[in-house]
Amino acid sequence: MAFGNGAYAVYILAAAAAAAGLYAWYLAYKSRITARLFPAERVREALVPVRRRGARAKAALVFACIVLAALTALRPQWGEREDEARIEGVDVLVALDVSRSMDARDTRPSRLGRAKSAVRLIADAARGGRMGLVLFAGDAYLQCPLTSDIDAFLMFLDSVDTLSVRRQGTDLGKALDAAARVFERKWLTSRILVLITDGEDHEGGVDRGIERMK
């Protein structure tokens, strides 16, 4: 439980203590004045009848009201509250080469395995933003649209192998065209394309794709 006016707790509690002290002083003063005016107890009881239980209950009620008033002034808060938070991240689109040459084991566990590990590192750093995945070889297609569900993105990434694209080759132009189509669908504040490949552009379309991305 928290208090909305916790910063003013000292002043609120001091005011409550002062109010309780004044009331206690009033009760004592009243009793003392009555005793002075009517020294004889029988006369005092006859002229100023006091029901002790009722008086005690009344005093307890007043003190309880002071305590409750202090708690109310402190504004106790508990339970859950939903706040809508707007998080502006970066949209990262990964274009990953899945041609057969990516199965080469000149690096462990393979070129493709090493590339997927690098993409996982990027995904972990991009949480709060969105990730998307384009696969390409001799052709290119969007495997995972931009999503803020990084775990879902990683599931798509885990399923990638060199059979994901049937047409072999390395067409960087088509990879860039596929990425441009993703970025053109909606205006985005921060757009990053990460292209991972182990080969050269065999189809000669990379310049055209770069111009489209510009």
C-alpha atoms as a PDB file:
ATOM      1  CA  MET A   1       0.000   0.000   0.000  1.00  0.00           C
ATOM      2  CA  ALA A   2       1.238   3.504  -0.853  1.00  0.00           C
ATOM      3  CA  PHE A   3       0.146   6.983   0.199  1.00  0.00           C
ATOM      4  CA  GLY A   4      -0.611   9.663  -2.362  1.00  0.00           C
ATOM      5  CA  ASN A   5       0.334  12.417   0.098  1.00  0.00           C
ATOM      6  CA  GLY A   6       3.232  10.568   1.671  1.00  0.00           C
ATOM      7  CA  ALA A   7       5.446  13.616   1.185  1.00  0.00           C
ATOM      8  CA  TYR A   8       3.239  15.525   3.644  1.00  0.00           C
ATOM      9  CA  ALA A   9       2.950  12.694   6.183  1.00  0.00           C
ATOM     10  CA  VAL A  10       4.907  14.592   8.862  1.00  0.00           C
ATOM     11  CA  TYR A  11       2.564  17.598   8.703  1.00  0.00           C
ATOM     12  CA  ILE A  12      -0.599  15.498   8.572  1.00  0.00           C
ATOM     13  CA  LEU A  13       0.435  13.338  11.522  1.00  0.00           C
ATOM     14  CA  ALA A  14       1.495  16.433  13.477  1.00  0.00           C
ATOM     15  CA  ALA A  15      -1.917  18.024  12.883  1.00  0.00           C
ATOM     16  CA  ALA A  16      -3.682  14.800  13.937  1.00  0.00           C
ATOM     17  CA  ALA A  17      -1.569  14.567  17.097  1.00  0.00           C
ATOM     18  CA  ALA A  18      -2.331  18.206  17.902  1.00  0.00           C
ATOM     19  CA  ALA A  19      -6.061  17.639  17.435  1.00  0.00           C
ATOM     20  CA  ALA A  20      -5.989  14.543  19.647  1.00  0.00           C
ATOM     21  CA  GLY A  21      -3.961  16.419  22.269  1.00  0.00           C
ATOM     22  CA  LEU A  22      -6.388  19.343  22.291  1.00  0.00           C
ATOM     23  CA  TYR A  23      -9.355  17.044  22.733  1.00  0.00           C
ATOM     24  CA  ALA A  24      -7.632  15.176  25.558  1.00  0.00           C
ATOM     25  CA  TRP A  25      -6.838  18.534  27.207  1.00  0.00           C
ATOM     26  CA  TYR A  26     -10.496  19.555  26.784  1.00  0.00           C
ATOM     27  CA  LEU A  27     -11.706  16.400  28.532  1.00  0.00           C
ATOM     28  CA  ALA A  28      -9.261  16.892  31.400  1.00  0.00           C
ATOM     29  CA  TYR A  29     -10.119  20.604  31.695  1.00  0.00           C
ATOM     30  CA  LYS A  30     -13.843  19.854  31.728  1.00  0.00           C
ATOM     31  CA  SER A  31     -13.423  17.259  34.444  1.00  0.00           C
ATOM     32  CA  ARG A  32     -11.246  19.606  36.533  1.00  0.00           C
ATOM     33  CA  ILE A  33     -13.673  22.555  36.263  1.00  0.00           C
ATOM     34  CA  THR A  34     -16.632  20.366  37.183  1.00  0.00           C
ATOM     35  CA  ALA A  35     -14.768  19.078  40.239  1.00  0.00           C
ATOM     36  CA  ARG A  36     -13.969  22.630  41.352  1.00  0.00           C
ATOM     37  CA  LEU A  37     -17.527  23.870  40.938  1.00  0.00           C
ATOM     38  CA  PHE A  38     -19.049  20.892  42.663  1.00  0.00           C
ATOM     39  CA  PRO A  39     -16.579  19.503  45.208  1.00  0.00           C
ATOM     40  CA  ALA A  40     -19.152  17.123  46.689  1.00  0.00           C
ATOM     41  CA  GLU A  41     -19.349  14.044  44.521  1.00  0.00           C
ATOM     42  CA  ARG A  42     -23.042  13.427  45.299  1.00  0.00           C
ATOM     43  CA  VAL A  43     -23.982  16.978  44.345  1.00  0.00           C
ATOM     44  CA  ARG A  44     -21.845  16.765  41.208  1.00  0.00           C
ATOM     45  CA  GLU A  45     -23.472  13.528  40.137  1.00  0.00           C
ATOM     46  CA  ALA A  46     -26.935  14.931  40.837  1.00  0.00           C
ATOM     47  CA  LEU A  47     -26.438  18.194  38.958  1.00  0.00           C
ATOM     48  CA  VAL A  48     -24.073  16.959  36.200  1.00  0.00           C
ATOM     49  CA  PRO A  49     -24.980  13.335  35.552  1.00  0.00           C
ATOM     50  CA  VAL A  50     -22.227  11.490  33.710  1.00  0.00           C
ATOM     51  CA  ARG A  51     -22.566   8.102  32.108  1.00  0.00           C
ATOM     52  CA  ARG A  52     -19.044   6.822  32.245  1.00  0.00           C
ATOM     53  CA  ARG A  53     -19.445   4.188  29.533  1.00  0.00           C
ATOM     54  CA  GLY A  54     -21.122   6.652  27.206  1.00  0.00           C
ATOM     55  CA  ALA A  55     -18.444   9.268  27.855  1.00  0.00           C
ATOM     56  CA  ARG A  56     -15.664   6.791  27.168  1.00  0.00           C
ATOM     57  CA  ALA A  57     -17.363   5.605  23.989  1.00  0.00           C
ATOM     58  CA  LYS A  58     -17.782   9.210  22.838  1.00  0.00           C
ATOM     59  CA  ALA A  59     -14.113   9.997  23.519  1.00  0.00           C
ATOM     60  CA  ALA A  60     -13.001   6.842  21.697  1.00  0.00           C
ATOM     61  CA  LEU A  61     -15.186   7.767  18.730  1.00  0.00           C
ATOM     62  CA  VAL A  62     -13.679  11.243  18.538  1.00  0.00           C
ATOM     63  CA  PHE A  63     -10.123   9.857  18.636  1.00  0.00           C
ATOM     64  CA  ALA A  64     -11.049   7.300  15.962  1.00  0.00           C
ATOM     65  CA  CYS A  65     -12.406  10.086  13.759  1.00  0.00           C
ATOM     66  CA  ILE A  66      -9.146  12.000  14.119  1.00  0.00           C
ATOM     67  CA  VAL A  67      -7.139   8.918  13.101  1.00  0.00           C
ATOM     68  CA  LEU A  68      -9.410   8.235  10.112  1.00  0.00           C
ATOM     69  CA  ALA A  69      -9.229  11.853   9.028  1.00  0.00           C
ATOM     70  CA  ALA A  70      -5.433  11.654   9.093  1.00  0.00           C
ATOM     71  CA  LEU A  71      -5.479   8.451   7.010  1.00  0.00           C
ATOM     72  CA  THR A  72      -7.852  10.059   4.526  1.00  0.00           C
ATOM     73  CA  ALA A  73      -5.565  13.079   4.205  1.00  0.00           C
ATOM     74  CA  LEU A  74      -2.640  10.737   3.512  1.00  0.00           C
ATOM     75  CA  ARG A  75      -4.630   9.260   0.557  1.00  0.00           C
ATOM     76  CA  PRO A  76      -3.896   5.529   0.943  1.00  0.00           C
ATOM     77  CA  GLN A  77      -3.655   3.712  -2.401  1.00  0.00           C
ATOM     78  CA  TRP A  78      -3.580   0.009  -3.171  1.00  0.00           C
ATOM     79  CA  GLY A  79      -4.457  -2.397  -5.941  1.00  0.00           C
ATOM     80  CA  GLU A  80      -3.404  -2.221  -9.593  1.00  0.00           C
ATOM     81  CA  ARG A  81      -3.510   0.636 -12.057  1.00  0.00           C
ATOM     82  CA  GLU A  82      -3.053   0.348 -15.798  1.00  0.00           C
ATOM     83  CA  ASP A  83      -1.074   3.060 -17.529  1.00  0.00           C
ATOM     84  CA  GLU A  84      -0.677   3.249 -21.267  1.00  0.00           C
ATOM     85  CA  ALA A  85       2.969   3.744 -22.112  1.00  0.00           C
ATOM     86  CA  ARG A  86       4.182   4.759 -25.516  1.00  0.00           C
ATOM     87  CA  ILE A  87       7.555   3.276 -26.356  1.00  0.00           C
ATOM     88  CA  GLU A  88       9.286   4.505 -29.470  1.00  0.00           C
ATOM     89  CA  GLY A  89      11.873   2.003 -30.614  1.00  0.00           C
ATOM     90  CA  VAL A  90      13.729   1.187 -33.794  1.00  0.00           C
ATOM     91  CA  ASP A  91      12.379  -0.944 -36.650  1.00  0.00           C
ATOM     92  CA  VAL A  92      15.098  -3.375 -37.694  1.00  0.00           C
ATOM     93  CA  LEU A  93      14.646  -5.474 -40.826  1.00  0.00           C
ATOM     94  CA  VAL A  94      17.136  -8.292 -41.351  1.00  0.00           C
ATOM     95  CA  ALA A  95      17.799  -9.565 -44.889  1.00  0.00           C
ATOM     96  CA  LEU A  96      19.487 -12.949 -44.488  1.00  0.00           C
ATOM     97  CA  ASP A  97      21.237 -14.884 -47.232  1.00  0.00           C
ATOM     98  CA  VAL A  98      20.109 -18.545 -47.218  1.00  0.00           C
ATOM     99  CA  SER A  99      21.891 -19.761 -50.343  1.00  0.00           C
ATOM    100  CA  ARG A 100      23.594 -23.180 -50.223  1.00  0.00           C
ATOM    101  CA  SER A 101      27.001 -21.609 -49.651  1.00  0.00           C
ATOM    102  CA  MET A 102      25.791 -20.548 -46.210  1.00  0.00           C
ATOM    103  CA  ASP A 103      26.090 -24.222 -45.178  1.00  0.00           C
ATOM    104  CA  ALA A 104      29.875 -23.974 -45.429  1.00  0.00           C
ATOM    105  CA  ARG A 105      31.596 -24.878 -42.177  1.00  0.00           C
ATOM    106  CA  ASP A 106      34.619 -22.613 -42.407  1.00  0.00           C
ATOM    107  CA  THR A 107      33.185 -21.058 -39.243  1.00  0.00           C
ATOM    108  CA  ARG A 108      31.362 -22.843 -36.429  1.00  0.00           C
ATOM    109  CA  PRO A 109      28.764 -24.225 -36.603  1.00  0.00           C
ATOM    110  CA  SER A 110      28.315 -22.895 -40.164  1.00  0.00           C
ATOM    111  CA  ARG A 111      28.068 -19.585 -41.932  1.00  0.00           C
ATOM    112  CA  LEU A 112      24.287 -19.633 -41.548  1.00  0.00           C
ATOM    113  CA  GLY A 113      24.474 -20.719 -37.903  1.00  0.00           C
ATOM    114  CA  ARG A 114      26.943 -17.932 -37.167  1.00  0.00           C
ATOM    115  CA  ALA A 115      24.713 -15.406 -38.939  1.00  0.00           C
ATOM    116  CA  LYS A 116      21.646 -16.522 -36.982  1.00  0.00           C
ATOM    117  CA  SER A 117      23.586 -16.089 -33.731  1.00  0.00           C
ATOM    118  CA  ALA A 118      24.425 -12.527 -34.757  1.00  0.00           C
ATOM    119  CA  VAL A 119      20.760 -11.834 -35.540  1.00  0.00           C
ATOM    120  CA  ARG A 120      19.757 -13.130 -32.102  1.00  0.00           C
ATOM    121  CA  LEU A 121      22.128 -10.621 -30.512  1.00  0.00           C
ATOM    122  CA  ILE A 122      20.538  -7.860 -32.570  1.00  0.00           C
ATOM    123  CA  ALA A 123      17.050  -9.025 -31.550  1.00  0.00           C
ATOM    124  CA  ASP A 124      17.946  -9.003 -27.856  1.00  0.00           C
ATOM    125  CA  ALA A 125      19.230  -5.437 -28.203  1.00  0.00           C
ATOM    126  CA  ALA A 126      16.138  -4.363 -30.154  1.00  0.00           C
ATOM    127  CA  ARG A 127      13.540  -5.294 -27.518  1.00  0.00           C
ATOM    128  CA  GLY A 128      11.175  -2.356 -27.255  1.00  0.00           C
ATOM    129  CA  GLY A 129      11.295  -1.913 -31.026  1.00  0.00           C
ATOM    130  CA  ARG A 130      10.253  -4.164 -33.906  1.00  0.00           C
ATOM    131  CA  MET A 131      12.079  -6.838 -35.915  1.00  0.00           C
ATOM    132  CA  GLY A 132      11.353  -8.303 -39.325  1.00  0.00           C
ATOM    133  CA  LEU A 133      13.046 -10.947 -41.488  1.00  0.00           C
ATOM    134  CA  VAL A 134      13.608 -11.187 -45.248  1.00  0.00           C
ATOM    135  CA  LEU A 135      15.159 -14.352 -46.670  1.00  0.00           C
ATOM    136  CA  PHE A 136      16.914 -14.331 -50.007  1.00  0.00           C
ATOM    137  CA  ALA A 137      19.034 -16.394 -52.345  1.00  0.00           C
ATOM    138  CA  GLY A 138      18.142 -16.310 -56.073  1.00  0.00           C
ATOM    139  CA  ASP A 139      14.786 -14.897 -54.960  1.00  0.00           C
ATOM    140  CA  ALA A 140      13.608 -13.025 -51.870  1.00  0.00           C
ATOM    141  CA  TYR A 141      10.507 -12.929 -49.705  1.00  0.00           C
ATOM    142  CA  LEU A 142       9.342 -11.571 -46.353  1.00  0.00           C
ATOM    143  CA  GLN A 143       9.292 -14.418 -43.844  1.00  0.00           C
ATOM    144  CA  CYS A 144       8.443 -12.398 -40.707  1.00  0.00           C
ATOM    145  CA  PRO A 145       6.770  -8.957 -40.893  1.00  0.00           C
ATOM    146  CA  LEU A 146       7.899  -6.244 -38.505  1.00  0.00           C
ATOM    147  CA  THR A 147       6.728  -7.244 -35.052  1.00  0.00           C
ATOM    148  CA  SER A 148       7.340  -6.157 -31.480  1.00  0.00           C
ATOM    149  CA  ASP A 149       7.001  -9.806 -30.386  1.00  0.00           C
ATOM    150  CA  ILE A 150      10.715 -10.604 -30.407  1.00  0.00           C
ATOM    151  CA  ASP A 151      10.120 -14.164 -29.196  1.00  0.00           C
ATOM    152  CA  ALA A 152       7.904 -14.829 -32.234  1.00  0.00           C
ATOM    153  CA  PHE A 153      10.589 -13.324 -34.471  1.00  0.00           C
ATOM    154  CA  LEU A 154      13.160 -15.686 -32.966  1.00  0.00           C
ATOM    155  CA  MET A 155      10.873 -18.656 -33.674  1.00  0.00           C
ATOM    156  CA  PHE A 156      10.829 -17.679 -37.357  1.00  0.00           C
ATOM    157  CA  LEU A 157      14.604 -17.281 -37.274  1.00  0.00           C
ATOM    158  CA  ASP A 158      15.121 -20.737 -35.757  1.00  0.00           C
ATOM    159  CA  SER A 159      13.219 -22.355 -38.637  1.00  0.00           C
ATOM    160  CA  VAL A 160      15.497 -20.820 -41.286  1.00  0.00           C
ATOM    161  CA  ASP A 161      17.786 -23.099 -43.325  1.00  0.00           C
ATOM    162  CA  THR A 162      19.279 -23.163 -46.822  1.00  0.00           C
ATOM    163  CA  LEU A 163      16.127 -24.824 -48.166  1.00  0.00           C
ATOM    164  CA  SER A 164      13.950 -21.856 -47.190  1.00  0.00           C
ATOM    165  CA  VAL A 165      14.350 -20.365 -50.690  1.00  0.00           C
ATOM    166  CA  ARG A 166      14.226 -22.841 -53.602  1.00  0.00           C
ATOM    167  CA  ARG A 167      15.843 -20.682 -56.262  1.00  0.00           C
ATOM    168  CA  GLN A 168      19.578 -20.608 -55.707  1.00  0.00           C
ATOM    169  CA  GLY A 169      21.975 -17.757 -56.293  1.00  0.00           C
ATOM    170  CA  THR A 170      22.614 -14.460 -54.559  1.00  0.00           C
ATOM    171  CA  ASP A 171      20.333 -11.673 -55.736  1.00  0.00           C
ATOM    172  CA  LEU A 172      20.983  -8.686 -53.484  1.00  0.00           C
ATOM    173  CA  GLY A 173      18.739  -6.516 -55.658  1.00  0.00           C
ATOM    174  CA  LYS A 174      15.691  -8.641 -54.865  1.00  0.00           C
ATOM    175  CA  ALA A 175      16.591  -8.609 -51.174  1.00  0.00           C
ATOM    176  CA  LEU A 176      16.692  -4.803 -51.218  1.00  0.00           C
ATOM    177  CA  ASP A 177      13.439  -4.629 -53.194  1.00  0.00           C
ATOM    178  CA  ALA A 178      11.706  -6.868 -50.625  1.00  0.00           C
ATOM    179  CA  ALA A 179      13.036  -4.683 -47.809  1.00  0.00           C
ATOM    180  CA  ALA A 180      11.894  -1.507 -49.589  1.00  0.00           C
ATOM    181  CA  ARG A 181       8.367  -2.891 -49.908  1.00  0.00           C
ATOM    182  CA  VAL A 182       8.260  -3.417 -46.137  1.00  0.00           C
ATOM    183  CA  PHE A 183       9.487   0.083 -45.374  1.00  0.00           C
ATOM    184  CA  GLU A 184       7.143   1.707 -47.900  1.00  0.00           C
ATOM    185  CA  ARG A 185       3.996   0.306 -46.300  1.00  0.00           C
ATOM    186  CA  LYS A 186       4.012   2.758 -43.416  1.00  0.00           C
ATOM    187  CA  TRP A 187       5.976   5.804 -42.405  1.00  0.00           C
ATOM    188  CA  LEU A 188       8.346   4.788 -39.619  1.00  0.00           C
ATOM    189  CA  THR A 189      10.499   7.019 -37.469  1.00  0.00           C
ATOM    190  CA  SER A 190      13.657   4.884 -37.416  1.00  0.00           C
ATOM    191  CA  ARG A 191      14.333   2.280 -40.100  1.00  0.00           C
ATOM    192  CA  ILE A 192      17.386   0.037 -40.199  1.00  0.00           C
ATOM    193  CA  LEU A 193      18.172  -2.701 -42.705  1.00  0.00           C
ATOM    194  CA  VAL A 194      20.785  -5.291 -41.745  1.00  0.00           C
ATOM    195  CA  LEU A 195      21.851  -7.356 -44.776  1.00  0.00           C
ATOM    196  CA  ILE A 196      23.886 -10.496 -44.124  1.00  0.00           C
ATOM    197  CA  THR A 197      25.440 -12.421 -47.020  1.00  0.00           C
ATOM    198  CA  ASP A 198      28.562 -14.413 -47.857  1.00  0.00           C
ATOM    199  CA  GLY A 199      28.527 -13.796 -51.598  1.00  0.00           C
ATOM    200  CA  GLU A 200      28.550 -11.267 -54.400  1.00  0.00           C
ATOM    201  CA  ASP A 201      25.613  -9.881 -56.326  1.00  0.00           C
ATOM    202  CA  HIS A 202      25.224 -12.394 -59.179  1.00  0.00           C
ATOM    203  CA  GLU A 203      22.244 -10.711 -60.836  1.00  0.00           C
ATOM    204  CA  GLY A 204      23.460  -7.122 -61.085  1.00  0.00           C
ATOM    205  CA  GLY A 205      20.424  -5.551 -59.409  1.00  0.00           C
ATOM    206  CA  VAL A 206      22.085  -4.202 -56.282  1.00  0.00           C
ATOM    207  CA  ASP A 207      22.517  -0.657 -57.611  1.00  0.00           C
ATOM    208  CA  ARG A 208      18.849  -0.449 -58.510  1.00  0.00           C
ATOM    209  CA  GLY A 209      17.875  -1.779 -55.073  1.00  0.00           C
ATOM    210  CA  ILE A 210      20.122   0.755 -53.323  1.00  0.00           C
ATOM    211  CA  GLU A 211      18.558   3.625 -55.252  1.00  0.00           C
ATOM    212  CA  ARG A 212      15.091   2.425 -54.278  1.00  0.00           C
ATOM    213  CA  MET A 213      16.106   2.226 -50.642  1.00  0.00           C
ATOM    214  CA  LYS A 214      17.428   5.796 -50.802  1.00  0.00           C
END
